[in-house]
């Protein structure tokens, strides 16, 4: 079961790194790896550049989370608490989505799959990590 967990962690890490690079390298407009990039019109170039830079930073942090998942797939025992902290951050991020108050968007096909992964799949992986630690220490 540990090998399967390592594979799942590596796949999560690869996916997170790809999502992070899409935005950290492409900014708000992105590199287009998730679809069209013609969704924005800039009316204040200076303000856009500032916000774009902040978004790139946040995406860089997300890329780092993915790299931690990849490291955890190799060094699971040593990275257990780090992985659990990353999963907690993902769940917090999911709740931040709800802060928009745009329930139609949150329930849409564009957001709901991500939200469900963040609130169900990642916590399940966290429980798996905890359970795996208990059985490997027994």
N, C-alpha and C. Protein backbone atom coordinates (compact mmCIF):
# COMPACT_ATOMS: atom_id res chain seq x y z
N UNK A 1 0.82 -1.20 0.00
CA UNK A 1 0.00 0.00 0.00
C UNK A 1 0.86 1.27 0.00
N UNK A 2 2.05 1.18 0.60
CA UNK A 2 2.92 2.34 0.65
C UNK A 2 3.36 2.76 -0.75
N UNK A 3 3.63 1.79 -1.62
CA UNK A 3 4.04 2.14 -2.99
C UNK A 3 2.93 2.86 -3.73
N UNK A 4 1.69 2.43 -3.54
CA UNK A 4 0.55 3.10 -4.18
C UNK A 4 0.42 4.53 -3.65
N UNK A 5 0.60 4.72 -2.36
CA UNK A 5 0.56 6.06 -1.78
C UNK A 5 1.65 6.94 -2.38
N UNK A 6 2.83 6.39 -2.53
CA UNK A 6 3.93 7.15 -3.14
C UNK A 6 3.59 7.57 -4.57
N UNK A 7 2.96 6.69 -5.32
CA UNK A 7 2.56 7.00 -6.70
C UNK A 7 1.51 8.11 -6.69
N UNK A 8 0.54 8.02 -5.80
CA UNK A 8 -0.50 9.05 -5.71
C UNK A 8 0.12 10.39 -5.34
N UNK A 9 1.05 10.39 -4.40
CA UNK A 9 1.72 11.63 -4.01
C UNK A 9 2.52 12.22 -5.17
N UNK A 10 3.19 11.37 -5.92
CA UNK A 10 3.96 11.84 -7.08
C UNK A 10 3.04 12.42 -8.14
N UNK A 11 1.92 11.76 -8.42
CA UNK A 11 0.97 12.29 -9.41
C UNK A 11 0.37 13.61 -8.96
N UNK A 12 0.04 13.71 -7.67
CA UNK A 12 -0.46 14.99 -7.14
C UNK A 12 0.61 16.06 -7.30
N UNK A 13 1.84 15.72 -6.97
CA UNK A 13 2.93 16.68 -7.08
C UNK A 13 3.13 17.16 -8.50
N UNK A 14 3.10 16.25 -9.46
CA UNK A 14 3.26 16.62 -10.87
C UNK A 14 2.13 17.55 -11.30
N UNK A 15 0.90 17.21 -10.92
CA UNK A 15 -0.24 18.05 -11.27
C UNK A 15 -0.15 19.43 -10.67
N UNK A 16 0.22 19.50 -9.40
CA UNK A 16 0.31 20.79 -8.71
C UNK A 16 1.43 21.63 -9.32
N UNK A 17 2.57 21.01 -9.60
CA UNK A 17 3.68 21.75 -10.21
C UNK A 17 3.24 22.31 -11.57
N UNK A 18 2.55 21.50 -12.36
CA UNK A 18 2.10 21.97 -13.68
C UNK A 18 1.15 23.16 -13.54
N UNK A 19 0.21 23.07 -12.61
CA UNK A 19 -0.72 24.19 -12.39
C UNK A 19 0.03 25.43 -11.91
N UNK A 20 0.99 25.23 -11.01
CA UNK A 20 1.76 26.35 -10.50
C UNK A 20 2.61 27.02 -11.57
N UNK A 21 3.26 26.22 -12.40
CA UNK A 21 4.09 26.78 -13.47
C UNK A 21 3.25 27.51 -14.50
N UNK A 22 2.05 27.01 -14.77
CA UNK A 22 1.15 27.66 -15.72
C UNK A 22 0.93 29.12 -15.35
N UNK A 23 0.79 29.39 -14.07
CA UNK A 23 0.51 30.75 -13.60
C UNK A 23 1.80 31.48 -13.22
N UNK A 24 2.74 30.80 -12.57
CA UNK A 24 3.95 31.51 -12.16
C UNK A 24 4.76 31.98 -13.37
N UNK A 25 4.73 31.24 -14.45
CA UNK A 25 5.45 31.64 -15.66
C UNK A 25 4.59 32.51 -16.59
N UNK A 26 3.26 32.36 -16.49
CA UNK A 26 2.37 33.11 -17.38
C UNK A 26 1.63 34.26 -16.73
N UNK A 27 1.70 34.35 -15.41
CA UNK A 27 1.00 35.42 -14.71
C UNK A 27 -0.51 35.22 -14.72
N UNK A 28 -1.23 36.29 -14.49
CA UNK A 28 -2.69 36.23 -14.45
C UNK A 28 -3.25 35.65 -15.73
N UNK A 29 -2.65 35.99 -16.85
CA UNK A 29 -3.13 35.51 -18.15
C UNK A 29 -2.81 34.03 -18.32
N UNK A 30 -1.83 33.50 -17.65
CA UNK A 30 -1.36 32.12 -17.67
C UNK A 30 -0.69 31.78 -19.00
N UNK A 31 -0.11 30.60 -19.04
CA UNK A 31 0.49 30.10 -20.28
C UNK A 31 -0.55 29.44 -21.17
N UNK A 32 -1.77 29.29 -20.66
CA UNK A 32 -2.84 28.71 -21.45
C UNK A 32 -2.95 27.20 -21.35
N UNK A 33 -2.27 26.59 -20.39
CA UNK A 33 -2.30 25.14 -20.25
C UNK A 33 -3.65 24.63 -19.78
N UNK A 34 -4.50 25.51 -19.27
CA UNK A 34 -5.83 25.11 -18.79
C UNK A 34 -6.93 25.70 -19.65
N UNK A 35 -6.60 26.26 -20.78
CA UNK A 35 -7.62 26.82 -21.66
C UNK A 35 -7.22 28.18 -22.19
N UNK A 36 -8.18 28.83 -22.75
CA UNK A 36 -7.99 30.11 -23.41
C UNK A 36 -7.39 31.16 -22.47
N UNK A 37 -6.57 32.04 -23.03
CA UNK A 37 -5.96 33.11 -22.24
C UNK A 37 -6.55 34.48 -22.57
N UNK A 38 -7.60 34.51 -23.36
CA UNK A 38 -8.17 35.81 -23.78
C UNK A 38 -9.37 36.21 -22.91
N UNK A 39 -9.24 36.03 -21.61
CA UNK A 39 -10.35 36.30 -20.70
C UNK A 39 -10.21 37.60 -19.94
N UNK A 40 -9.18 38.39 -20.22
CA UNK A 40 -8.94 39.58 -19.43
C UNK A 40 -8.62 40.77 -20.34
N UNK A 41 -9.07 41.94 -19.89
CA UNK A 41 -8.76 43.18 -20.58
C UNK A 41 -8.15 44.13 -19.54
N UNK A 42 -6.96 44.59 -19.78
CA UNK A 42 -6.25 45.44 -18.83
C UNK A 42 -6.61 46.90 -19.08
N UNK A 43 -7.12 47.56 -18.04
CA UNK A 43 -7.47 48.97 -18.16
C UNK A 43 -6.48 49.88 -17.44
N UNK A 44 -5.69 49.30 -16.54
CA UNK A 44 -4.67 50.05 -15.81
C UNK A 44 -3.41 49.20 -15.80
N UNK A 45 -2.50 49.45 -16.73
CA UNK A 45 -1.31 48.62 -16.92
C UNK A 45 -0.43 48.57 -15.67
N UNK A 46 -0.28 49.68 -14.99
CA UNK A 46 0.59 49.70 -13.80
C UNK A 46 -0.01 48.83 -12.68
N UNK A 47 -1.30 48.97 -12.42
CA UNK A 47 -1.96 48.17 -11.39
C UNK A 47 -1.95 46.69 -11.78
N UNK A 48 -2.15 46.42 -13.06
CA UNK A 48 -2.13 45.03 -13.54
C UNK A 48 -0.77 44.40 -13.28
N UNK A 49 0.30 45.12 -13.57
CA UNK A 49 1.64 44.58 -13.40
C UNK A 49 1.90 44.23 -11.92
N UNK A 50 1.41 45.07 -11.02
CA UNK A 50 1.58 44.79 -9.59
C UNK A 50 0.81 43.53 -9.21
N UNK A 51 -0.48 43.47 -9.59
CA UNK A 51 -1.29 42.29 -9.25
C UNK A 51 -0.75 41.03 -9.93
N UNK A 52 -0.30 41.16 -11.17
CA UNK A 52 0.27 40.03 -11.89
C UNK A 52 1.49 39.49 -11.15
N UNK A 53 2.30 40.39 -10.62
CA UNK A 53 3.48 39.97 -9.88
C UNK A 53 3.09 39.23 -8.61
N UNK A 54 2.05 39.72 -7.90
CA UNK A 54 1.57 39.03 -6.69
C UNK A 54 1.04 37.64 -7.04
N UNK A 55 0.29 37.55 -8.13
CA UNK A 55 -0.26 36.26 -8.55
C UNK A 55 0.86 35.28 -8.90
N UNK A 56 1.90 35.78 -9.55
CA UNK A 56 3.06 34.92 -9.88
C UNK A 56 3.71 34.38 -8.60
N UNK A 57 3.80 35.23 -7.56
CA UNK A 57 4.36 34.77 -6.29
C UNK A 57 3.50 33.65 -5.70
N UNK A 58 2.20 33.86 -5.65
CA UNK A 58 1.29 32.85 -5.09
C UNK A 58 1.40 31.55 -5.88
N UNK A 59 1.50 31.66 -7.21
CA UNK A 59 1.65 30.47 -8.04
C UNK A 59 3.00 29.80 -7.80
N UNK A 60 4.02 30.59 -7.50
CA UNK A 60 5.32 30.01 -7.16
C UNK A 60 5.25 29.22 -5.86
N UNK A 61 4.49 29.73 -4.89
CA UNK A 61 4.28 28.99 -3.65
C UNK A 61 3.56 27.69 -3.95
N UNK A 62 2.56 27.74 -4.81
CA UNK A 62 1.81 26.54 -5.21
C UNK A 62 2.74 25.53 -5.88
N UNK A 63 3.64 26.03 -6.73
CA UNK A 63 4.62 25.16 -7.37
C UNK A 63 5.47 24.48 -6.29
N UNK A 64 5.86 25.25 -5.28
CA UNK A 64 6.62 24.69 -4.17
C UNK A 64 5.87 23.60 -3.43
N UNK A 65 4.57 23.77 -3.26
CA UNK A 65 3.75 22.73 -2.63
C UNK A 65 3.82 21.45 -3.46
N UNK A 66 3.74 21.60 -4.77
CA UNK A 66 3.85 20.43 -5.64
C UNK A 66 5.20 19.74 -5.51
N UNK A 67 6.26 20.53 -5.41
CA UNK A 67 7.60 19.95 -5.24
C UNK A 67 7.70 19.21 -3.90
N UNK A 68 7.01 19.72 -2.87
CA UNK A 68 7.00 19.02 -1.59
C UNK A 68 6.26 17.68 -1.69
N UNK A 69 5.19 17.64 -2.46
CA UNK A 69 4.50 16.37 -2.70
C UNK A 69 5.43 15.39 -3.41
N UNK A 70 6.17 15.88 -4.40
CA UNK A 70 7.12 15.02 -5.11
C UNK A 70 8.21 14.51 -4.15
N UNK A 71 8.73 15.40 -3.32
CA UNK A 71 9.73 14.98 -2.34
C UNK A 71 9.14 13.97 -1.37
N UNK A 72 7.89 14.19 -0.97
CA UNK A 72 7.22 13.27 -0.07
C UNK A 72 6.99 11.89 -0.68
N UNK A 73 6.86 11.85 -1.99
CA UNK A 73 6.68 10.55 -2.63
C UNK A 73 7.96 9.72 -2.56
N UNK A 74 9.09 10.39 -2.40
CA UNK A 74 10.38 9.70 -2.31
C UNK A 74 10.75 9.46 -0.84
N UNK A 75 10.55 10.46 0.00
CA UNK A 75 10.95 10.40 1.41
C UNK A 75 9.72 10.51 2.30
N UNK A 76 8.80 9.59 2.14
CA UNK A 76 7.51 9.65 2.81
C UNK A 76 7.63 9.75 4.33
N UNK A 77 8.46 8.93 4.92
CA UNK A 77 8.55 8.92 6.38
C UNK A 77 9.05 10.27 6.92
N UNK A 78 10.07 10.81 6.27
CA UNK A 78 10.63 12.08 6.73
C UNK A 78 9.74 13.27 6.41
N UNK A 79 8.91 13.16 5.38
CA UNK A 79 8.10 14.29 4.90
C UNK A 79 6.65 14.23 5.37
N UNK A 80 6.32 13.24 6.19
CA UNK A 80 4.93 13.02 6.60
C UNK A 80 4.28 14.29 7.15
N UNK A 81 4.91 14.95 8.10
CA UNK A 81 4.30 16.14 8.71
C UNK A 81 4.23 17.30 7.71
N UNK A 82 5.21 17.40 6.82
CA UNK A 82 5.19 18.45 5.80
C UNK A 82 4.03 18.22 4.84
N UNK A 83 3.83 16.98 4.43
CA UNK A 83 2.72 16.66 3.53
C UNK A 83 1.37 16.97 4.19
N UNK A 84 1.25 16.64 5.45
CA UNK A 84 0.00 16.93 6.16
C UNK A 84 -0.23 18.44 6.27
N UNK A 85 0.85 19.20 6.47
CA UNK A 85 0.71 20.66 6.51
C UNK A 85 0.29 21.19 5.13
N UNK A 86 0.86 20.64 4.08
CA UNK A 86 0.46 21.05 2.72
C UNK A 86 -1.01 20.74 2.47
N UNK A 87 -1.45 19.58 2.91
CA UNK A 87 -2.87 19.22 2.73
C UNK A 87 -3.75 20.17 3.52
N UNK A 88 -3.34 20.53 4.71
CA UNK A 88 -4.12 21.51 5.50
C UNK A 88 -4.21 22.84 4.76
N UNK A 89 -3.11 23.26 4.12
CA UNK A 89 -3.13 24.51 3.36
C UNK A 89 -4.08 24.40 2.17
N UNK A 90 -4.14 23.25 1.54
CA UNK A 90 -5.05 23.05 0.40
C UNK A 90 -6.50 23.15 0.87
N UNK A 91 -6.80 22.56 2.01
CA UNK A 91 -8.17 22.65 2.55
C UNK A 91 -8.50 24.10 2.90
N UNK A 92 -7.57 24.82 3.50
CA UNK A 92 -7.79 26.25 3.80
C UNK A 92 -8.05 27.01 2.50
N UNK A 93 -7.30 26.70 1.46
CA UNK A 93 -7.52 27.32 0.15
C UNK A 93 -8.91 27.03 -0.39
N UNK A 94 -9.39 25.83 -0.16
CA UNK A 94 -10.75 25.48 -0.61
C UNK A 94 -11.78 26.35 0.09
N UNK A 95 -11.60 26.55 1.39
CA UNK A 95 -12.54 27.40 2.11
C UNK A 95 -12.43 28.85 1.66
N UNK A 96 -11.23 29.27 1.24
CA UNK A 96 -11.05 30.62 0.72
C UNK A 96 -11.87 30.81 -0.56
N UNK A 97 -11.98 29.76 -1.37
CA UNK A 97 -12.83 29.84 -2.58
C UNK A 97 -14.26 30.23 -2.20
N UNK A 98 -14.73 29.67 -1.10
CA UNK A 98 -16.11 29.93 -0.67
C UNK A 98 -16.30 31.38 -0.26
N UNK A 99 -15.21 32.05 0.06
CA UNK A 99 -15.27 33.46 0.46
C UNK A 99 -15.74 34.38 -0.65
N UNK A 100 -15.72 33.91 -1.88
CA UNK A 100 -16.18 34.75 -2.99
C UNK A 100 -17.69 35.01 -2.88
N UNK A 101 -18.40 34.07 -2.26
CA UNK A 101 -19.85 34.21 -2.16
C UNK A 101 -20.58 34.00 -3.48
N UNK A 102 -19.85 33.66 -4.53
CA UNK A 102 -20.44 33.43 -5.85
C UNK A 102 -20.78 31.95 -5.97
N UNK A 103 -21.92 31.57 -5.40
CA UNK A 103 -22.30 30.16 -5.29
C UNK A 103 -22.55 29.51 -6.64
N UNK A 104 -23.02 30.29 -7.60
CA UNK A 104 -23.21 29.73 -8.94
C UNK A 104 -21.87 29.32 -9.54
N UNK A 105 -20.85 30.15 -9.36
CA UNK A 105 -19.52 29.81 -9.85
C UNK A 105 -18.94 28.63 -9.10
N UNK A 106 -19.03 28.65 -7.77
CA UNK A 106 -18.47 27.57 -6.96
C UNK A 106 -19.10 26.23 -7.33
N UNK A 107 -20.38 26.24 -7.66
CA UNK A 107 -21.08 25.00 -8.01
C UNK A 107 -20.96 24.65 -9.49
N UNK A 108 -20.23 25.45 -10.25
CA UNK A 108 -20.12 25.22 -11.69
C UNK A 108 -19.09 24.13 -12.00
N UNK A 109 -19.16 23.62 -13.21
CA UNK A 109 -18.21 22.60 -13.66
C UNK A 109 -16.79 23.15 -13.73
N UNK A 110 -16.64 24.47 -13.77
CA UNK A 110 -15.31 25.07 -13.83
C UNK A 110 -14.61 25.04 -12.47
N UNK A 111 -15.35 25.02 -11.37
CA UNK A 111 -14.77 25.10 -10.02
C UNK A 111 -15.06 23.86 -9.18
N UNK A 112 -16.26 23.32 -9.25
CA UNK A 112 -16.67 22.26 -8.34
C UNK A 112 -15.72 21.06 -8.32
N UNK A 113 -15.22 20.56 -9.45
CA UNK A 113 -14.29 19.42 -9.36
C UNK A 113 -13.04 19.74 -8.53
N UNK A 114 -12.50 20.92 -8.71
CA UNK A 114 -11.32 21.32 -7.91
C UNK A 114 -11.68 21.42 -6.44
N UNK A 115 -12.82 22.04 -6.15
CA UNK A 115 -13.25 22.20 -4.77
C UNK A 115 -13.47 20.85 -4.09
N UNK A 116 -14.08 19.92 -4.80
CA UNK A 116 -14.30 18.59 -4.23
C UNK A 116 -12.98 17.87 -3.99
N UNK A 117 -12.03 18.02 -4.90
CA UNK A 117 -10.70 17.42 -4.68
C UNK A 117 -10.05 18.02 -3.45
N UNK A 118 -10.18 19.33 -3.29
CA UNK A 118 -9.55 20.03 -2.17
C UNK A 118 -10.20 19.68 -0.83
N UNK A 119 -11.50 19.44 -0.84
CA UNK A 119 -12.22 19.17 0.41
C UNK A 119 -12.40 17.69 0.71
N UNK A 120 -12.26 16.82 -0.29
CA UNK A 120 -12.49 15.39 -0.08
C UNK A 120 -11.24 14.56 -0.41
N UNK A 121 -10.72 14.72 -1.62
CA UNK A 121 -9.61 13.87 -2.05
C UNK A 121 -8.35 14.14 -1.23
N UNK A 122 -7.96 15.39 -1.09
CA UNK A 122 -6.73 15.68 -0.35
C UNK A 122 -6.83 15.31 1.13
N UNK A 123 -7.95 15.59 1.81
CA UNK A 123 -8.05 15.09 3.19
C UNK A 123 -7.99 13.56 3.27
N UNK A 124 -8.56 12.87 2.27
CA UNK A 124 -8.49 11.41 2.24
C UNK A 124 -7.02 10.96 2.11
N UNK A 125 -6.27 11.65 1.27
CA UNK A 125 -4.84 11.34 1.15
C UNK A 125 -4.14 11.61 2.48
N UNK A 126 -4.54 12.66 3.17
CA UNK A 126 -3.97 12.95 4.48
C UNK A 126 -4.24 11.84 5.48
N UNK A 127 -5.46 11.34 5.50
CA UNK A 127 -5.79 10.21 6.39
C UNK A 127 -4.98 8.97 6.00
N UNK A 128 -4.79 8.78 4.70
CA UNK A 128 -3.99 7.66 4.22
C UNK A 128 -2.54 7.78 4.70
N UNK A 129 -2.01 8.99 4.64
CA UNK A 129 -0.64 9.23 5.11
C UNK A 129 -0.53 8.92 6.60
N UNK A 130 -1.51 9.39 7.38
CA UNK A 130 -1.50 9.13 8.83
C UNK A 130 -1.62 7.64 9.09
N UNK A 131 -2.55 7.00 8.43
CA UNK A 131 -2.77 5.56 8.61
C UNK A 131 -1.53 4.77 8.21
N UNK A 132 -0.91 5.14 7.12
CA UNK A 132 0.30 4.48 6.65
C UNK A 132 1.42 4.63 7.68
N UNK A 133 1.51 5.79 8.31
CA UNK A 133 2.53 6.00 9.34
C UNK A 133 2.31 5.13 10.54
N UNK A 134 1.06 4.92 10.90
CA UNK A 134 0.75 4.05 12.05
C UNK A 134 1.09 2.60 11.75
N UNK A 135 0.76 2.15 10.53
CA UNK A 135 1.02 0.74 10.21
C UNK A 135 2.49 0.47 9.98
N UNK A 136 3.24 1.46 9.48
CA UNK A 136 4.67 1.23 9.27
C UNK A 136 5.45 1.30 10.56
N UNK A 137 4.88 1.97 11.58
CA UNK A 137 5.54 2.05 12.89
C UNK A 137 5.12 0.92 13.83
N UNK A 138 4.12 0.16 13.43
CA UNK A 138 3.61 -0.90 14.31
C UNK A 138 4.50 -2.12 14.30
